[in-house]
Amino acid sequence: MGTPEELNKNRRCFYIGNVTYFILGAAFLAVGIHLYTEQHTYAALAPSSYSAMSTAGLCVCAGCMIMIVALIGYVGASLTSKWLLSVYIGFVVVLFLVQMMTGIIGFLHNELARERVKHSLYSTINRTFVTDYGPESNFRLTWDYMQETLFCCGVESYEDWYYAARWPKNKFVPDSCCKLSFFSNNSSIQNCGKVGKSEMFHEKGCYEPFADWLLHHLKIIKIFSLLFGIIEIGLVILAIRLIRYLKRLKKAQSAPSYRFTRSHRGDEKLISERT
């Protein structure tokens, strides 16, 4: 039978797990904000479903939902509300299923994601440097920054630039492909991509380092999903136990108790009394 002591002990365990859940949700939200503000440099070149922006949005939404659900659980446990705890269990189960499905799909489609990244890079490379205005200008700036920071050139090699729309049939590459080690402080890197000396260009393509950078953000989601899954299983068990304790305690409080009384004639009589 449930007792107030057992109820309080189970509730304390639930509070600890729920606070941990809330903190992880806040951390997930912070990761999303960080991705949105700091690590969206190459987002213009990524497939929309794998971009840092979509990853950031997923982290922010999931983090907010987890924090709200954790608050529902806290209020439900504090008020000993079976209805709120039942709602809490339902939300946690839904979040658990969504996280597990997302993790499984991400694991199974890892190679497909890389192919989509490659296709996206090829689709943008020939729309780059056509004009100095509009989306193509964004592509140009993003390609330049990516090649400078990742020390790469083209999608799979620098030769991918030989067929760019700006210089068809000419073996040119953007200046951002040039290795800075070939230039002294007094030298200008301007137009180095038109020199035609391949040893001055970054040999490796940008596909592999860019895909690694992009999928690294998806790994963050997988790690958080695993942590959330473990905690959510424990929280559901604790919430169910808490509801059962509340039912038992309510039943015990509402059940009649009996005692013997002696009448003035000396006869014993069993009467009920409610605690």
C-alpha atoms as a PDB file:
ATOM      1  CA  MET A   1       0.000   0.000   0.000  1.00  0.00           C
ATOM      2  CA  GLY A   2       1.285   3.507  -0.837  1.00  0.00           C
ATOM      3  CA  THR A   3       2.278   5.698   2.065  1.00  0.00           C
ATOM      4  CA  PRO A   4       3.093   9.416   2.164  1.00  0.00           C
ATOM      5  CA  GLU A   5       6.743   8.516   2.783  1.00  0.00           C
ATOM      6  CA  GLU A   6       6.881   6.317  -0.321  1.00  0.00           C
ATOM      7  CA  LEU A   7       5.107   9.012  -2.310  1.00  0.00           C
ATOM      8  CA  ASN A   8       7.608  11.686  -1.261  1.00  0.00           C
ATOM      9  CA  LYS A   9      10.578   9.418  -1.983  1.00  0.00           C
ATOM     10  CA  ASN A  10       9.300   8.623  -5.484  1.00  0.00           C
ATOM     11  CA  ARG A  11       8.510  12.281  -6.080  1.00  0.00           C
ATOM     12  CA  ARG A  12      12.057  13.339  -5.125  1.00  0.00           C
ATOM     13  CA  CYS A  13      13.501  10.858  -7.632  1.00  0.00           C
ATOM     14  CA  PHE A  14      11.115  12.200 -10.251  1.00  0.00           C
ATOM     15  CA  TYR A  15      12.163  15.793  -9.500  1.00  0.00           C
ATOM     16  CA  ILE A  16      15.854  14.934  -9.923  1.00  0.00           C
ATOM     17  CA  GLY A  17      15.252  13.189 -13.257  1.00  0.00           C
ATOM     18  CA  ASN A  18      12.953  15.942 -14.471  1.00  0.00           C
ATOM     19  CA  VAL A  19      15.420  18.707 -13.581  1.00  0.00           C
ATOM     20  CA  THR A  20      18.102  16.821 -15.532  1.00  0.00           C
ATOM     21  CA  TYR A  21      15.664  16.546 -18.441  1.00  0.00           C
ATOM     22  CA  PHE A  22      14.978  20.296 -18.288  1.00  0.00           C
ATOM     23  CA  ILE A  23      18.705  21.130 -18.210  1.00  0.00           C
ATOM     24  CA  LEU A  24      19.385  18.913 -21.245  1.00  0.00           C
ATOM     25  CA  GLY A  25      16.496  20.599 -23.053  1.00  0.00           C
ATOM     26  CA  ALA A  26      18.000  24.007 -22.281  1.00  0.00           C
ATOM     27  CA  ALA A  27      21.395  22.758 -23.509  1.00  0.00           C
ATOM     28  CA  PHE A  28      19.768  21.518 -26.728  1.00  0.00           C
ATOM     29  CA  LEU A  29      18.170  24.937 -27.169  1.00  0.00           C
ATOM     30  CA  ALA A  30      21.546  26.623 -26.614  1.00  0.00           C
ATOM     31  CA  VAL A  31      23.156  24.343 -29.220  1.00  0.00           C
ATOM     32  CA  GLY A  32      20.477  25.360 -31.717  1.00  0.00           C
ATOM     33  CA  ILE A  33      21.016  29.066 -31.058  1.00  0.00           C
ATOM     34  CA  HIS A  34      24.783  28.585 -31.377  1.00  0.00           C
ATOM     35  CA  LEU A  35      24.379  26.834 -34.724  1.00  0.00           C
ATOM     36  CA  TYR A  36      22.058  29.567 -35.947  1.00  0.00           C
ATOM     37  CA  THR A  37      24.276  32.485 -34.940  1.00  0.00           C
ATOM     38  CA  GLU A  38      27.795  31.107 -35.315  1.00  0.00           C
ATOM     39  CA  GLN A  39      27.973  28.038 -37.531  1.00  0.00           C
ATOM     40  CA  HIS A  40      25.754  28.768 -40.512  1.00  0.00           C
ATOM     41  CA  THR A  41      28.609  30.051 -42.686  1.00  0.00           C
ATOM     42  CA  TYR A  42      28.227  27.402 -45.389  1.00  0.00           C
ATOM     43  CA  ALA A  43      24.444  26.984 -45.112  1.00  0.00           C
ATOM     44  CA  ALA A  44      23.809  28.446 -48.586  1.00  0.00           C
ATOM     45  CA  LEU A  45      25.631  25.504 -50.184  1.00  0.00           C
ATOM     46  CA  ALA A  46      23.983  22.719 -48.181  1.00  0.00           C
ATOM     47  CA  PRO A  47      20.847  20.792 -49.116  1.00  0.00           C
ATOM     48  CA  SER A  48      17.964  22.404 -47.273  1.00  0.00           C
ATOM     49  CA  SER A  49      17.187  19.235 -45.291  1.00  0.00           C
ATOM     50  CA  TYR A  50      20.798  18.926 -44.080  1.00  0.00           C
ATOM     51  CA  SER A  51      21.774  22.552 -43.579  1.00  0.00           C
ATOM     52  CA  ALA A  52      22.967  24.079 -40.348  1.00  0.00           C
ATOM     53  CA  MET A  53      19.798  26.168 -40.419  1.00  0.00           C
ATOM     54  CA  SER A  54      17.489  23.148 -40.412  1.00  0.00           C
ATOM     55  CA  THR A  55      19.645  21.547 -37.721  1.00  0.00           C
ATOM     56  CA  ALA A  56      19.479  24.719 -35.647  1.00  0.00           C
ATOM     57  CA  GLY A  57      15.715  24.941 -36.063  1.00  0.00           C
ATOM     58  CA  LEU A  58      15.292  21.328 -34.997  1.00  0.00           C
ATOM     59  CA  CYS A  59      17.451  21.870 -31.903  1.00  0.00           C
ATOM     60  CA  VAL A  60      15.597  25.040 -30.907  1.00  0.00           C
ATOM     61  CA  CYS A  61      12.124  23.518 -31.359  1.00  0.00           C
ATOM     62  CA  ALA A  62      13.024  20.267 -29.597  1.00  0.00           C
ATOM     63  CA  GLY A  63      14.740  22.115 -26.744  1.00  0.00           C
ATOM     64  CA  CYS A  64      11.712  24.360 -26.172  1.00  0.00           C
ATOM     65  CA  MET A  65       9.304  21.409 -26.267  1.00  0.00           C
ATOM     66  CA  ILE A  66      11.398  19.404 -23.789  1.00  0.00           C
ATOM     67  CA  MET A  67      11.583  22.336 -21.366  1.00  0.00           C
ATOM     68  CA  ILE A  68       7.801  22.846 -21.554  1.00  0.00           C
ATOM     69  CA  VAL A  69       7.138  19.135 -21.016  1.00  0.00           C
ATOM     70  CA  ALA A  70       9.535  19.111 -18.046  1.00  0.00           C
ATOM     71  CA  LEU A  71       7.625  22.028 -16.505  1.00  0.00           C
ATOM     72  CA  ILE A  72       4.349  20.140 -16.966  1.00  0.00           C
ATOM     73  CA  GLY A  73       5.861  17.183 -15.139  1.00  0.00           C
ATOM     74  CA  TYR A  74       7.105  19.393 -12.305  1.00  0.00           C
ATOM     75  CA  VAL A  75       3.703  21.034 -11.837  1.00  0.00           C
ATOM     76  CA  GLY A  76       1.936  17.676 -12.032  1.00  0.00           C
ATOM     77  CA  ALA A  77       4.190  16.152  -9.373  1.00  0.00           C
ATOM     78  CA  SER A  78       3.965  19.226  -7.124  1.00  0.00           C
ATOM     79  CA  LEU A  79       0.166  19.327  -7.283  1.00  0.00           C
ATOM     80  CA  THR A  80      -0.056  15.502  -7.196  1.00  0.00           C
ATOM     81  CA  SER A  81      -2.243  15.769 -10.295  1.00  0.00           C
ATOM     82  CA  LYS A  82      -2.748  12.418 -11.990  1.00  0.00           C
ATOM     83  CA  TRP A  83      -4.178  14.180 -15.043  1.00  0.00           C
ATOM     84  CA  LEU A  84      -1.101  16.383 -15.565  1.00  0.00           C
ATOM     85  CA  LEU A  85       1.213  13.437 -14.972  1.00  0.00           C
ATOM     86  CA  SER A  86      -0.709  11.418 -17.575  1.00  0.00           C
ATOM     87  CA  VAL A  87      -0.367  14.282 -20.072  1.00  0.00           C
ATOM     88  CA  TYR A  88       3.332  14.439 -19.220  1.00  0.00           C
ATOM     89  CA  ILE A  89       3.770  10.712 -19.904  1.00  0.00           C
ATOM     90  CA  GLY A  90       2.010  11.072 -23.257  1.00  0.00           C
ATOM     91  CA  PHE A  91       4.259  13.940 -24.371  1.00  0.00           C
ATOM     92  CA  VAL A  92       7.429  12.171 -23.228  1.00  0.00           C
ATOM     93  CA  VAL A  93       6.467   8.989 -25.098  1.00  0.00           C
ATOM     94  CA  VAL A  94       5.802  10.978 -28.290  1.00  0.00           C
ATOM     95  CA  LEU A  95       9.140  12.800 -27.987  1.00  0.00           C
ATOM     96  CA  PHE A  96      10.915   9.507 -27.354  1.00  0.00           C
ATOM     97  CA  LEU A  97       9.438   7.897 -30.482  1.00  0.00           C
ATOM     98  CA  VAL A  98      10.245  10.920 -32.660  1.00  0.00           C
ATOM     99  CA  GLN A  99      13.833  11.057 -31.389  1.00  0.00           C
ATOM    100  CA  MET A 100      14.398   7.349 -31.921  1.00  0.00           C
ATOM    101  CA  MET A 101      12.939   7.476 -35.444  1.00  0.00           C
ATOM    102  CA  THR A 102      15.092  10.503 -36.282  1.00  0.00           C
ATOM    103  CA  GLY A 103      18.207   8.774 -34.987  1.00  0.00           C
ATOM    104  CA  ILE A 104      17.510   5.555 -36.903  1.00  0.00           C
ATOM    105  CA  ILE A 105      16.752   7.386 -40.156  1.00  0.00           C
ATOM    106  CA  GLY A 106      19.887   9.519 -39.767  1.00  0.00           C
ATOM    107  CA  PHE A 107      22.012   6.416 -39.180  1.00  0.00           C
ATOM    108  CA  LEU A 108      20.588   4.520 -42.166  1.00  0.00           C
ATOM    109  CA  HIS A 109      20.807   7.471 -44.557  1.00  0.00           C
ATOM    110  CA  ASN A 110      24.312   8.670 -43.730  1.00  0.00           C
ATOM    111  CA  GLU A 111      25.714   7.826 -47.182  1.00  0.00           C
ATOM    112  CA  LEU A 112      22.614   9.221 -48.876  1.00  0.00           C
ATOM    113  CA  ALA A 113      23.201  12.477 -47.007  1.00  0.00           C
ATOM    114  CA  ARG A 114      26.752  12.654 -48.354  1.00  0.00           C
ATOM    115  CA  GLU A 115      25.530  12.118 -51.909  1.00  0.00           C
ATOM    116  CA  ARG A 116      22.975  14.889 -51.490  1.00  0.00           C
ATOM    117  CA  VAL A 117      25.713  17.194 -50.217  1.00  0.00           C
ATOM    118  CA  LYS A 118      27.833  16.418 -53.283  1.00  0.00           C
ATOM    119  CA  HIS A 119      24.898  17.044 -55.613  1.00  0.00           C
ATOM    120  CA  SER A 120      24.162  20.354 -53.877  1.00  0.00           C
ATOM    121  CA  LEU A 121      27.764  21.522 -54.283  1.00  0.00           C
ATOM    122  CA  TYR A 122      27.797  20.646 -57.976  1.00  0.00           C
ATOM    123  CA  SER A 123      24.491  22.464 -58.475  1.00  0.00           C
ATOM    124  CA  THR A 124      25.837  25.661 -56.894  1.00  0.00           C
ATOM    125  CA  ILE A 125      29.336  25.706 -58.367  1.00  0.00           C
ATOM    126  CA  ASN A 126      28.049  26.591 -61.836  1.00  0.00           C
ATOM    127  CA  ARG A 127      25.765  29.303 -60.467  1.00  0.00           C
ATOM    128  CA  THR A 128      28.706  30.986 -58.779  1.00  0.00           C
ATOM    129  CA  PHE A 129      30.532  34.052 -60.102  1.00  0.00           C
ATOM    130  CA  VAL A 130      27.898  34.696 -62.785  1.00  0.00           C
ATOM    131  CA  THR A 131      26.869  38.017 -61.261  1.00  0.00           C
ATOM    132  CA  ASP A 132      27.812  40.222 -58.338  1.00  0.00           C
ATOM    133  CA  TYR A 133      24.205  40.535 -57.154  1.00  0.00           C
ATOM    134  CA  GLY A 134      21.477  38.247 -55.875  1.00  0.00           C
ATOM    135  CA  PRO A 135      21.726  34.626 -54.730  1.00  0.00           C
ATOM    136  CA  GLU A 136      24.663  33.908 -57.028  1.00  0.00           C
ATOM    137  CA  SER A 137      26.698  36.527 -55.163  1.00  0.00           C
ATOM    138  CA  ASN A 138      25.915  34.707 -51.903  1.00  0.00           C
ATOM    139  CA  PHE A 139      27.110  31.468 -53.472  1.00  0.00           C
ATOM    140  CA  ARG A 140      30.318  33.165 -54.572  1.00  0.00           C
ATOM    141  CA  LEU A 141      31.055  34.593 -51.134  1.00  0.00           C
ATOM    142  CA  THR A 142      30.240  31.282 -49.457  1.00  0.00           C
ATOM    143  CA  TRP A 143      32.399  29.284 -51.864  1.00  0.00           C
ATOM    144  CA  ASP A 144      35.270  31.722 -51.346  1.00  0.00           C
ATOM    145  CA  TYR A 145      35.024  31.510 -47.575  1.00  0.00           C
ATOM    146  CA  MET A 146      34.724  27.723 -47.598  1.00  0.00           C
ATOM    147  CA  GLN A 147      37.752  27.260 -49.857  1.00  0.00           C
ATOM    148  CA  GLU A 148      39.833  29.649 -47.773  1.00  0.00           C
ATOM    149  CA  THR A 149      38.915  28.128 -44.403  1.00  0.00           C
ATOM    150  CA  LEU A 150      38.796  24.443 -45.388  1.00  0.00           C
ATOM    151  CA  PHE A 151      41.861  24.742 -47.677  1.00  0.00           C
ATOM    152  CA  CYS A 152      40.081  23.063 -50.570  1.00  0.00           C
ATOM    153  CA  CYS A 153      39.100  23.819 -54.145  1.00  0.00           C
ATOM    154  CA  GLY A 154      36.088  22.704 -56.171  1.00  0.00           C
ATOM    155  CA  VAL A 155      33.803  19.820 -55.266  1.00  0.00           C
ATOM    156  CA  GLU A 156      36.152  16.866 -55.738  1.00  0.00           C
ATOM    157  CA  SER A 157      39.140  18.725 -57.215  1.00  0.00           C
ATOM    158  CA  TYR A 158      40.120  22.149 -58.515  1.00  0.00           C
ATOM    159  CA  GLU A 159      39.303  20.990 -62.058  1.00  0.00           C
ATOM    160  CA  ASP A 160      35.587  21.319 -61.265  1.00  0.00           C
ATOM    161  CA  TRP A 161      36.033  25.072 -61.712  1.00  0.00           C
ATOM    162  CA  TYR A 162      37.270  24.678 -65.282  1.00  0.00           C
ATOM    163  CA  TYR A 163      33.669  24.383 -66.451  1.00  0.00           C
ATOM    164  CA  ALA A 164      32.223  27.289 -64.449  1.00  0.00           C
ATOM    165  CA  ALA A 165      29.810  29.580 -66.295  1.00  0.00           C
ATOM    166  CA  ARG A 166      31.982  32.659 -65.830  1.00  0.00           C
ATOM    167  CA  TRP A 167      35.004  31.262 -67.669  1.00  0.00           C
ATOM    168  CA  PRO A 168      33.817  28.406 -69.921  1.00  0.00           C
ATOM    169  CA  LYS A 169      36.580  26.458 -71.675  1.00  0.00           C
ATOM    170  CA  ASN A 170      39.258  28.266 -69.638  1.00  0.00           C
ATOM    171  CA  LYS A 171      41.251  26.526 -66.943  1.00  0.00           C
ATOM    172  CA  PHE A 172      40.664  29.112 -64.242  1.00  0.00           C
ATOM    173  CA  VAL A 173      39.852  28.783 -60.559  1.00  0.00           C
ATOM    174  CA  PRO A 174      38.762  31.408 -57.996  1.00  0.00           C
ATOM    175  CA  ASP A 175      41.543  33.202 -56.155  1.00  0.00           C
ATOM    176  CA  SER A 176      40.306  31.582 -52.946  1.00  0.00           C
ATOM    177  CA  CYS A 177      41.724  28.284 -54.257  1.00  0.00           C
ATOM    178  CA  CYS A 178      45.282  29.577 -54.129  1.00  0.00           C
ATOM    179  CA  LYS A 179      47.693  28.470 -51.417  1.00  0.00           C
ATOM    180  CA  LEU A 180      48.849  31.430 -49.356  1.00  0.00           C
ATOM    181  CA  SER A 181      52.233  29.787 -48.857  1.00  0.00           C
ATOM    182  CA  PHE A 182      53.157  30.722 -52.437  1.00  0.00           C
ATOM    183  CA  PHE A 183      52.740  34.419 -51.755  1.00  0.00           C
ATOM    184  CA  SER A 184      54.904  36.700 -49.654  1.00  0.00           C
ATOM    185  CA  ASN A 185      53.588  39.695 -47.788  1.00  0.00           C
ATOM    186  CA  ASN A 186      54.407  41.939 -50.724  1.00  0.00           C
ATOM    187  CA  SER A 187      52.761  39.734 -53.281  1.00  0.00           C
ATOM    188  CA  SER A 188      49.185  40.043 -54.381  1.00  0.00           C
ATOM    189  CA  ILE A 189      46.976  37.013 -54.558  1.00  0.00           C
ATOM    190  CA  GLN A 190      44.652  38.758 -56.967  1.00  0.00           C
ATOM    191  CA  ASN A 191      44.101  36.840 -60.226  1.00  0.00           C
ATOM    192  CA  CYS A 192      46.293  33.988 -59.017  1.00  0.00           C
ATOM    193  CA  GLY A 193      43.562  31.597 -60.133  1.00  0.00           C
ATOM    194  CA  LYS A 194      44.224  32.546 -63.741  1.00  0.00           C
ATOM    195  CA  VAL A 195      47.939  31.778 -63.623  1.00  0.00           C
ATOM    196  CA  GLY A 196      47.255  28.180 -64.528  1.00  0.00           C
ATOM    197  CA  LYS A 197      49.845  26.581 -62.238  1.00  0.00           C
ATOM    198  CA  SER A 198      48.006  23.746 -60.551  1.00  0.00           C
ATOM    199  CA  GLU A 199      50.634  23.347 -57.821  1.00  0.00           C
ATOM    200  CA  MET A 200      49.505  26.737 -56.483  1.00  0.00           C
ATOM    201  CA  PHE A 201      45.953  25.456 -55.910  1.00  0.00           C
ATOM    202  CA  HIS A 202      44.553  23.403 -53.042  1.00  0.00           C
ATOM    203  CA  GLU A 203      44.573  19.820 -54.302  1.00  0.00           C
ATOM    204  CA  LYS A 204      41.691  18.369 -52.316  1.00  0.00           C
ATOM    205  CA  GLY A 205      38.076  19.089 -53.132  1.00  0.00           C
ATOM    206  CA  CYS A 206      35.648  20.633 -50.663  1.00  0.00           C
ATOM    207  CA  TYR A 207      33.125  17.791 -50.724  1.00  0.00           C
ATOM    208  CA  GLU A 208      34.677  15.605 -48.007  1.00  0.00           C
ATOM    209  CA  PRO A 209      35.568  18.327 -45.452  1.00  0.00           C
ATOM    210  CA  PHE A 210      32.267  20.108 -46.074  1.00  0.00           C
ATOM    211  CA  ALA A 211      30.252  16.903 -45.640  1.00  0.00           C
ATOM    212  CA  ASP A 212      32.192  16.128 -42.453  1.00  0.00           C
ATOM    213  CA  TRP A 213      31.467  19.621 -41.138  1.00  0.00           C
ATOM    214  CA  LEU A 214      27.784  19.341 -41.984  1.00  0.00           C
ATOM    215  CA  LEU A 215      27.230  15.821 -40.656  1.00  0.00           C
ATOM    216  CA  HIS A 216      29.078  16.730 -37.469  1.00  0.00           C
ATOM    217  CA  HIS A 217      26.043  18.806 -36.514  1.00  0.00           C
ATOM    218  CA  LEU A 218      23.783  15.812 -37.115  1.00  0.00           C
ATOM    219  CA  LYS A 219      25.997  13.765 -34.784  1.00  0.00           C
ATOM    220  CA  ILE A 220      25.235  16.282 -32.048  1.00  0.00           C
ATOM    221  CA  ILE A 221      21.530  15.567 -32.488  1.00  0.00           C
ATOM    222  CA  LYS A 222      22.156  11.815 -32.354  1.00  0.00           C
ATOM    223  CA  ILE A 223      24.110  12.121 -29.096  1.00  0.00           C
ATOM    224  CA  PHE A 224      21.413  14.260 -27.505  1.00  0.00           C
ATOM    225  CA  SER A 225      18.714  11.883 -28.772  1.00  0.00           C
ATOM    226  CA  LEU A 226      20.461   8.976 -27.059  1.00  0.00           C
ATOM    227  CA  LEU A 227      20.727  10.890 -23.770  1.00  0.00           C
ATOM    228  CA  PHE A 228      17.123  12.005 -23.994  1.00  0.00           C
ATOM    229  CA  GLY A 229      15.975   8.462 -24.752  1.00  0.00           C
ATOM    230  CA  ILE A 230      17.655   7.035 -21.644  1.00  0.00           C
ATOM    231  CA  ILE A 231      16.273   9.761 -19.377  1.00  0.00           C
ATOM    232  CA  GLU A 232      12.795   9.610 -20.922  1.00  0.00           C
ATOM    233  CA  ILE A 233      12.485   5.881 -20.241  1.00  0.00           C
ATOM    234  CA  GLY A 234      13.384   6.479 -16.601  1.00  0.00           C
ATOM    235  CA  LEU A 235      11.010   9.442 -16.295  1.00  0.00           C
ATOM    236  CA  VAL A 236       8.074   7.517 -17.741  1.00  0.00           C
ATOM    237  CA  ILE A 237       8.666   4.700 -15.238  1.00  0.00           C
ATOM    238  CA  LEU A 238       8.886   7.176 -12.344  1.00  0.00           C
ATOM    239  CA  ALA A 239       5.773   9.042 -13.492  1.00  0.00           C
ATOM    240  CA  ILE A 240       3.780   5.796 -13.752  1.00  0.00           C
ATOM    241  CA  ARG A 241       4.916   4.779 -10.268  1.00  0.00           C
ATOM    242  CA  LEU A 242       3.967   8.218  -8.980  1.00  0.00           C
ATOM    243  CA  ILE A 243       0.456   7.883 -10.409  1.00  0.00           C
ATOM    244  CA  ARG A 244       0.101   4.416  -8.877  1.00  0.00           C
ATOM    245  CA  TYR A 245       1.218   5.735  -5.487  1.00  0.00           C
ATOM    246  CA  LEU A 246      -1.331   8.543  -5.726  1.00  0.00           C
ATOM    247  CA  LYS A 247      -4.107   6.082  -6.545  1.00  0.00           C
ATOM    248  CA  ARG A 248      -3.153   3.799  -3.656  1.00  0.00           C
ATOM    249  CA  LEU A 249      -2.872   6.675  -1.226  1.00  0.00           C
ATOM    250  CA  LYS A 250      -6.240   8.067  -2.255  1.00  0.00           C
ATOM    251  CA  LYS A 251      -7.811   4.630  -1.943  1.00  0.00           C
ATOM    252  CA  ALA A 252      -6.286   4.155   1.498  1.00  0.00           C
ATOM    253  CA  GLN A 253      -7.523   7.548   2.655  1.00  0.00           C
ATOM    254  CA  SER A 254     -11.052   6.950   1.382  1.00  0.00           C
ATOM    255  CA  ALA A 255     -11.374   3.373   2.702  1.00  0.00           C
ATOM    256  CA  PRO A 256     -13.388   3.054   5.969  1.00  0.00           C
ATOM    257  CA  SER A 257     -11.675   1.776   9.112  1.00  0.00           C
ATOM    258  CA  TYR A 258     -13.419  -0.209  11.837  1.00  0.00           C
ATOM    259  CA  ARG A 259     -13.323  -0.307  15.612  1.00  0.00           C
ATOM    260  CA  PHE A 260     -15.225  -2.103  18.366  1.00  0.00           C
ATOM    261  CA  THR A 261     -17.411  -0.149  20.780  1.00  0.00           C
ATOM    262  CA  ARG A 262     -19.166  -1.388  23.858  1.00  0.00           C
ATOM    263  CA  SER A 263     -22.764  -0.432  24.468  1.00  0.00           C
ATOM    264  CA  HIS A 264     -24.135   0.515  27.869  1.00  0.00           C
ATOM    265  CA  ARG A 265     -25.516  -3.008  28.097  1.00  0.00           C
ATOM    266  CA  GLY A 266     -22.028  -4.480  27.654  1.00  0.00           C
ATOM    267  CA  ASP A 267     -22.541  -5.659  24.054  1.00  0.00           C
ATOM    268  CA  GLU A 268     -19.676  -5.114  21.617  1.00  0.00           C
ATOM    269  CA  LYS A 269     -20.529  -3.493  18.298  1.00  0.00           C
ATOM    270  CA  LEU A 270     -18.367  -3.064  15.191  1.00  0.00           C
ATOM    271  CA  ILE A 271     -18.703   0.395  13.706  1.00  0.00           C
ATOM    272  CA  SER A 272     -16.815   2.092  10.870  1.00  0.00           C
ATOM    273  CA  GLU A 273     -14.969   5.350  11.066  1.00  0.00           C
ATOM    274  CA  ARG A 274     -13.226   7.264   8.254  1.00  0.00           C
ATOM    275  CA  THR A 275      -9.750   8.589   8.772  1.00  0.00           C
END
